[in-house]
């Protein structure tokens, strides 16, 4: 599932958007073991505020 941006810092607090299908009713997004705060969702995307934690990146 694509995520934008595809990397983040340890401080968290930045917006990220996951895109895909079947996302209606999404109730949880985690970065590792930490939950993100969902700010919006639709059938094809979920927008979140990332939590603080280890720096991360998604493979391209």
N, C-alpha and C. Protein backbone atom coordinates (compact mmCIF):
# COMPACT_ATOMS: atom_id res chain seq x y z
N UNK A 1 0.84 -1.16 0.00
CA UNK A 1 0.00 0.00 0.00
C UNK A 1 0.90 1.23 0.00
N UNK A 2 0.79 2.11 -0.98
CA UNK A 2 1.62 3.32 -1.03
C UNK A 2 1.32 4.29 0.12
N UNK A 3 2.37 4.94 0.59
CA UNK A 3 2.23 5.97 1.62
C UNK A 3 3.05 7.18 1.18
N UNK A 4 2.50 8.35 1.42
CA UNK A 4 3.18 9.59 1.05
C UNK A 4 3.15 10.52 2.25
N UNK A 5 4.29 11.04 2.69
CA UNK A 5 5.63 10.81 2.16
C UNK A 5 6.08 9.39 2.46
N UNK A 6 7.13 8.93 1.78
CA UNK A 6 7.57 7.55 1.96
C UNK A 6 8.67 7.40 3.01
N UNK A 7 8.90 8.46 3.80
CA UNK A 7 9.84 8.38 4.91
C UNK A 7 9.47 9.43 5.94
N UNK A 8 9.92 9.23 7.17
CA UNK A 8 9.58 10.17 8.22
C UNK A 8 10.65 10.23 9.29
N UNK A 9 10.57 11.26 10.10
CA UNK A 9 11.56 11.48 11.15
C UNK A 9 11.07 10.96 12.49
N UNK A 10 11.94 10.99 13.47
CA UNK A 10 11.61 10.48 14.80
C UNK A 10 10.62 11.35 15.55
N UNK A 11 10.50 12.62 15.18
CA UNK A 11 9.63 13.53 15.91
C UNK A 11 8.15 13.32 15.69
N UNK A 12 7.77 12.66 14.59
CA UNK A 12 6.36 12.47 14.28
C UNK A 12 5.65 13.80 14.08
N UNK A 13 4.34 13.77 14.13
CA UNK A 13 3.55 14.99 14.01
C UNK A 13 3.33 15.46 12.59
N UNK A 14 3.79 14.71 11.59
CA UNK A 14 3.61 15.12 10.21
C UNK A 14 2.45 14.35 9.58
N UNK A 15 1.86 14.93 8.55
CA UNK A 15 0.75 14.29 7.84
C UNK A 15 1.28 13.25 6.87
N UNK A 16 0.54 12.15 6.75
CA UNK A 16 0.87 11.10 5.80
C UNK A 16 -0.45 10.57 5.22
N UNK A 17 -0.41 10.13 3.98
CA UNK A 17 -1.60 9.59 3.33
C UNK A 17 -1.29 8.22 2.77
N UNK A 18 -2.11 7.24 3.10
CA UNK A 18 -2.02 5.90 2.56
C UNK A 18 -3.08 5.77 1.48
N UNK A 19 -2.73 5.17 0.36
CA UNK A 19 -3.69 5.01 -0.71
C UNK A 19 -3.82 3.54 -1.09
N UNK A 20 -5.01 3.17 -1.49
CA UNK A 20 -5.29 1.80 -1.88
C UNK A 20 -6.77 1.63 -2.14
N UNK A 21 -7.28 0.45 -1.92
CA UNK A 21 -8.72 0.20 -2.09
C UNK A 21 -9.24 -0.49 -0.83
N UNK A 22 -10.54 -0.42 -0.63
CA UNK A 22 -11.16 -1.07 0.52
C UNK A 22 -10.84 -0.43 1.85
N UNK A 23 -10.58 0.86 1.86
CA UNK A 23 -10.19 1.54 3.09
C UNK A 23 -11.37 2.17 3.85
N UNK A 24 -12.57 2.01 3.34
CA UNK A 24 -13.74 2.54 4.03
C UNK A 24 -13.82 1.96 5.44
N UNK A 25 -14.02 2.81 6.41
CA UNK A 25 -14.16 2.36 7.79
C UNK A 25 -12.86 2.04 8.48
N UNK A 26 -11.73 2.46 7.92
CA UNK A 26 -10.44 2.22 8.58
C UNK A 26 -10.47 2.83 9.97
N UNK A 27 -10.05 2.07 10.97
CA UNK A 27 -10.08 2.56 12.34
C UNK A 27 -8.71 2.63 12.99
N UNK A 28 -7.68 2.05 12.35
CA UNK A 28 -6.36 2.09 12.94
C UNK A 28 -5.27 2.01 11.88
N UNK A 29 -4.28 2.87 12.05
CA UNK A 29 -3.05 2.82 11.25
C UNK A 29 -1.91 2.85 12.26
N UNK A 30 -0.95 1.97 12.07
CA UNK A 30 0.20 1.92 12.97
C UNK A 30 1.49 2.15 12.19
N UNK A 31 2.40 2.85 12.85
CA UNK A 31 3.77 2.99 12.37
C UNK A 31 4.58 2.14 13.33
N UNK A 32 4.93 0.94 12.91
CA UNK A 32 5.53 -0.02 13.84
C UNK A 32 4.45 -0.41 14.84
N UNK A 33 4.72 -0.23 16.11
CA UNK A 33 3.73 -0.58 17.13
C UNK A 33 2.94 0.63 17.62
N UNK A 34 3.23 1.82 17.08
CA UNK A 34 2.58 3.04 17.56
C UNK A 34 1.41 3.44 16.67
N UNK A 35 0.27 3.74 17.26
CA UNK A 35 -0.88 4.16 16.45
C UNK A 35 -0.74 5.60 15.96
N UNK A 36 -1.20 5.82 14.74
CA UNK A 36 -1.28 7.17 14.18
C UNK A 36 -2.68 7.70 14.45
N UNK A 37 -2.85 9.00 14.33
CA UNK A 37 -4.16 9.62 14.48
C UNK A 37 -4.78 9.78 13.10
N UNK A 38 -5.92 9.13 12.87
CA UNK A 38 -6.60 9.25 11.58
C UNK A 38 -7.33 10.59 11.53
N UNK A 39 -7.08 11.35 10.46
CA UNK A 39 -7.72 12.65 10.31
C UNK A 39 -8.79 12.65 9.22
N UNK A 40 -8.73 11.71 8.29
CA UNK A 40 -9.73 11.60 7.22
C UNK A 40 -9.60 10.22 6.59
N UNK A 41 -10.72 9.73 6.06
CA UNK A 41 -10.65 8.46 5.34
C UNK A 41 -11.71 8.43 4.26
N UNK A 42 -11.43 7.64 3.24
CA UNK A 42 -12.36 7.45 2.13
C UNK A 42 -12.15 6.01 1.64
N UNK A 43 -12.90 5.57 0.66
CA UNK A 43 -12.69 4.22 0.15
C UNK A 43 -11.30 3.99 -0.42
N UNK A 44 -10.59 5.07 -0.83
CA UNK A 44 -9.29 4.89 -1.48
C UNK A 44 -8.11 5.55 -0.77
N UNK A 45 -8.34 6.21 0.37
CA UNK A 45 -7.21 6.82 1.09
C UNK A 45 -7.53 7.00 2.57
N UNK A 46 -6.46 7.03 3.37
CA UNK A 46 -6.55 7.34 4.79
C UNK A 46 -5.46 8.35 5.08
N UNK A 47 -5.85 9.48 5.66
CA UNK A 47 -4.89 10.51 6.06
C UNK A 47 -4.68 10.42 7.56
N UNK A 48 -3.42 10.53 7.98
CA UNK A 48 -3.07 10.38 9.39
C UNK A 48 -2.04 11.42 9.80
N UNK A 49 -1.90 11.57 11.12
CA UNK A 49 -0.78 12.30 11.70
C UNK A 49 0.09 11.23 12.33
N UNK A 50 1.34 11.16 11.90
CA UNK A 50 2.25 10.11 12.34
C UNK A 50 2.69 10.33 13.79
N UNK A 51 2.86 9.24 14.55
CA UNK A 51 3.34 9.36 15.92
C UNK A 51 4.86 9.53 15.95
N UNK A 52 5.37 9.92 17.12
CA UNK A 52 6.82 9.95 17.27
C UNK A 52 7.32 8.52 17.40
N UNK A 53 8.58 8.31 17.11
CA UNK A 53 9.17 6.98 17.21
C UNK A 53 10.38 6.89 16.32
N UNK A 54 10.85 5.69 16.06
CA UNK A 54 12.04 5.54 15.21
C UNK A 54 11.81 6.10 13.80
N UNK A 55 12.85 6.65 13.22
CA UNK A 55 12.76 7.09 11.82
C UNK A 55 12.39 5.89 10.96
N UNK A 56 11.68 6.12 9.87
CA UNK A 56 11.22 5.01 9.04
C UNK A 56 11.27 5.40 7.58
N UNK A 57 11.24 4.41 6.72
CA UNK A 57 11.10 4.63 5.29
C UNK A 57 10.42 3.43 4.67
N UNK A 58 9.71 3.65 3.60
CA UNK A 58 9.04 2.59 2.87
C UNK A 58 9.85 2.29 1.62
N UNK A 59 9.98 1.01 1.27
CA UNK A 59 10.69 0.69 0.03
C UNK A 59 9.97 1.29 -1.17
N UNK A 60 10.71 1.65 -2.16
CA UNK A 60 10.10 2.22 -3.37
C UNK A 60 9.77 1.14 -4.35
